[in-house]
C-alpha atoms as a PDB file:
ATOM      1  CA  MET A   1      26.460 -30.635 -21.215  1.00  0.00           C
ATOM      2  CA  ALA A   2      26.446 -27.245 -22.569  1.00  0.00           C
ATOM      3  CA  GLN A   3      28.748 -26.203 -25.225  1.00  0.00           C
ATOM      4  CA  LEU A   4      30.359 -22.441 -24.926  1.00  0.00           C
ATOM      5  CA  ILE A   5      30.462 -20.701 -28.242  1.00  0.00           C
ATOM      6  CA  LYS A   6      31.198 -17.447 -29.838  1.00  0.00           C
ATOM      7  CA  VAL A   7      28.470 -15.998 -32.306  1.00  0.00           C
ATOM      8  CA  LYS A   8      28.430 -12.839 -34.428  1.00  0.00           C
ATOM      9  CA  PHE A   9      25.108 -11.353 -35.002  1.00  0.00           C
ATOM     10  CA  LEU A  10      23.949 -11.204 -38.858  1.00  0.00           C
ATOM     11  CA  LYS A  11      23.111  -8.095 -40.258  1.00  0.00           C
ATOM     12  CA  ASN A  12      21.456  -8.271 -43.913  1.00  0.00           C
ATOM     13  CA  ASP A  13      22.772 -11.835 -43.716  1.00  0.00           C
ATOM     14  CA  THR A  14      26.016 -10.764 -43.188  1.00  0.00           C
ATOM     15  CA  PRO A  15      28.205 -11.344 -39.718  1.00  0.00           C
ATOM     16  CA  GLN A  16      28.835  -7.813 -38.117  1.00  0.00           C
ATOM     17  CA  GLY A  17      30.855  -6.708 -35.250  1.00  0.00           C
ATOM     18  CA  ARG A  18      32.514  -8.470 -32.257  1.00  0.00           C
ATOM     19  CA  PRO A  19      31.674 -12.174 -31.288  1.00  0.00           C
ATOM     20  CA  TYR A  20      29.672 -12.655 -28.263  1.00  0.00           C
ATOM     21  CA  THR A  21      29.694 -15.768 -26.166  1.00  0.00           C
ATOM     22  CA  TYR A  22      26.580 -17.887 -25.421  1.00  0.00           C
ATOM     23  CA  TYR A  23      25.427 -21.267 -24.165  1.00  0.00           C
ATOM     24  CA  SER A  24      24.511 -23.897 -26.411  1.00  0.00           C
ATOM     25  CA  ASN A  25      22.318 -27.068 -25.635  1.00  0.00           C
ATOM     26  CA  GLU A  26      23.066 -28.181 -29.308  1.00  0.00           C
ATOM     27  CA  ILE A  27      26.344 -29.381 -30.802  1.00  0.00           C
ATOM     28  CA  VAL A  28      27.316 -26.627 -33.334  1.00  0.00           C
ATOM     29  CA  LYS A  29      30.185 -25.818 -35.324  1.00  0.00           C
ATOM     30  CA  PRO A  30      32.005 -22.615 -37.137  1.00  0.00           C
ATOM     31  CA  GLY A  31      29.707 -21.423 -39.964  1.00  0.00           C
ATOM     32  CA  ASP A  32      26.510 -22.687 -38.503  1.00  0.00           C
ATOM     33  CA  LEU A  33      23.443 -20.317 -38.357  1.00  0.00           C
ATOM     34  CA  LEU A  34      21.503 -19.890 -35.101  1.00  0.00           C
ATOM     35  CA  GLN A  35      18.513 -18.370 -33.743  1.00  0.00           C
ATOM     36  CA  ILE A  36      19.973 -16.165 -30.834  1.00  0.00           C
ATOM     37  CA  ASN A  37      16.765 -14.908 -29.569  1.00  0.00           C
ATOM     38  CA  GLU A  38      13.259 -14.343 -30.842  1.00  0.00           C
ATOM     39  CA  SER A  39      14.383 -11.855 -33.219  1.00  0.00           C
ATOM     40  CA  ALA A  40      18.376 -12.111 -33.955  1.00  0.00           C
ATOM     41  CA  LYS A  41      20.262 -14.683 -35.943  1.00  0.00           C
ATOM     42  CA  GLY A  42      23.940 -15.080 -35.768  1.00  0.00           C
ATOM     43  CA  VAL A  43      26.659 -17.394 -37.091  1.00  0.00           C
ATOM     44  CA  VAL A  44      29.044 -19.282 -35.099  1.00  0.00           C
ATOM     45  CA  THR A  45      32.641 -18.097 -35.116  1.00  0.00           C
ATOM     46  CA  GLU A  46      34.304 -20.350 -32.411  1.00  0.00           C
ATOM     47  CA  VAL A  47      33.273 -23.482 -30.397  1.00  0.00           C
ATOM     48  CA  ASP A  48      34.852 -25.210 -27.224  1.00  0.00           C
ATOM     49  CA  VAL A  49      35.499 -21.818 -25.693  1.00  0.00           C
ATOM     50  CA  PRO A  50      37.387 -22.145 -22.609  1.00  0.00           C
ATOM     51  CA  GLU A  51      35.194 -21.623 -19.277  1.00  0.00           C
ATOM     52  CA  ASP A  52      38.093 -19.300 -17.883  1.00  0.00           C
ATOM     53  CA  THR A  53      37.493 -16.703 -20.506  1.00  0.00           C
ATOM     54  CA  ILE A  54      33.869 -15.869 -19.066  1.00  0.00           C
ATOM     55  CA  LYS A  55      34.724 -16.212 -15.318  1.00  0.00           C
ATOM     56  CA  ASP A  56      34.208 -12.607 -14.726  1.00  0.00           C
ATOM     57  CA  PHE A  57      30.567 -12.471 -16.437  1.00  0.00           C
ATOM     58  CA  ALA A  58      29.485 -16.268 -16.272  1.00  0.00           C
ATOM     59  CA  ASP A  59      26.529 -15.377 -14.749  1.00  0.00           C
ATOM     60  CA  LYS A  60      25.143 -12.947 -17.530  1.00  0.00           C
ATOM     61  CA  VAL A  61      26.279 -15.420 -20.469  1.00  0.00           C
ATOM     62  CA  LYS A  62      22.869 -16.304 -22.288  1.00  0.00           C
ATOM     63  CA  TRP A  63      21.626 -19.251 -23.995  1.00  0.00           C
ATOM     64  CA  ILE A  64      20.856 -19.441 -27.933  1.00  0.00           C
ATOM     65  CA  HIS A  65      17.400 -20.584 -29.190  1.00  0.00           C
ATOM     66  CA  GLY A  66      18.995 -23.189 -31.271  1.00  0.00           C
ATOM     67  CA  LYS A  67      19.884 -23.646 -34.830  1.00  0.00           C
ATOM     68  CA  ALA A  68      18.277 -21.216 -37.273  1.00  0.00           C
ATOM     69  CA  VAL A  69      15.373 -22.578 -39.483  1.00  0.00           C
ATOM     70  CA  ASP A  70      15.085 -21.714 -43.155  1.00  0.00           C
ATOM     71  CA  LYS A  71      11.737 -20.321 -43.832  1.00  0.00           C
ATOM     72  CA  ASP A  72      11.303 -22.708 -46.845  1.00  0.00           C
ATOM     73  CA  GLU A  73      11.482 -25.736 -44.502  1.00  0.00           C
END
């Protein structure tokens, strides 16, 4: 089952702006670094977001790519 989460984008390795809502197939926790899309990374700010908070735009909520992989790994 998908996890509904909030994520802030990283700019120069620092969370910036407001959090955006995403679906995740992986279980994540606040503070986890994510690969949001091909080029953007973010940090989890909230997990288990209630479904009713996205009812007006649920069809537009995107999926994260997964947890970010360190370049050294």
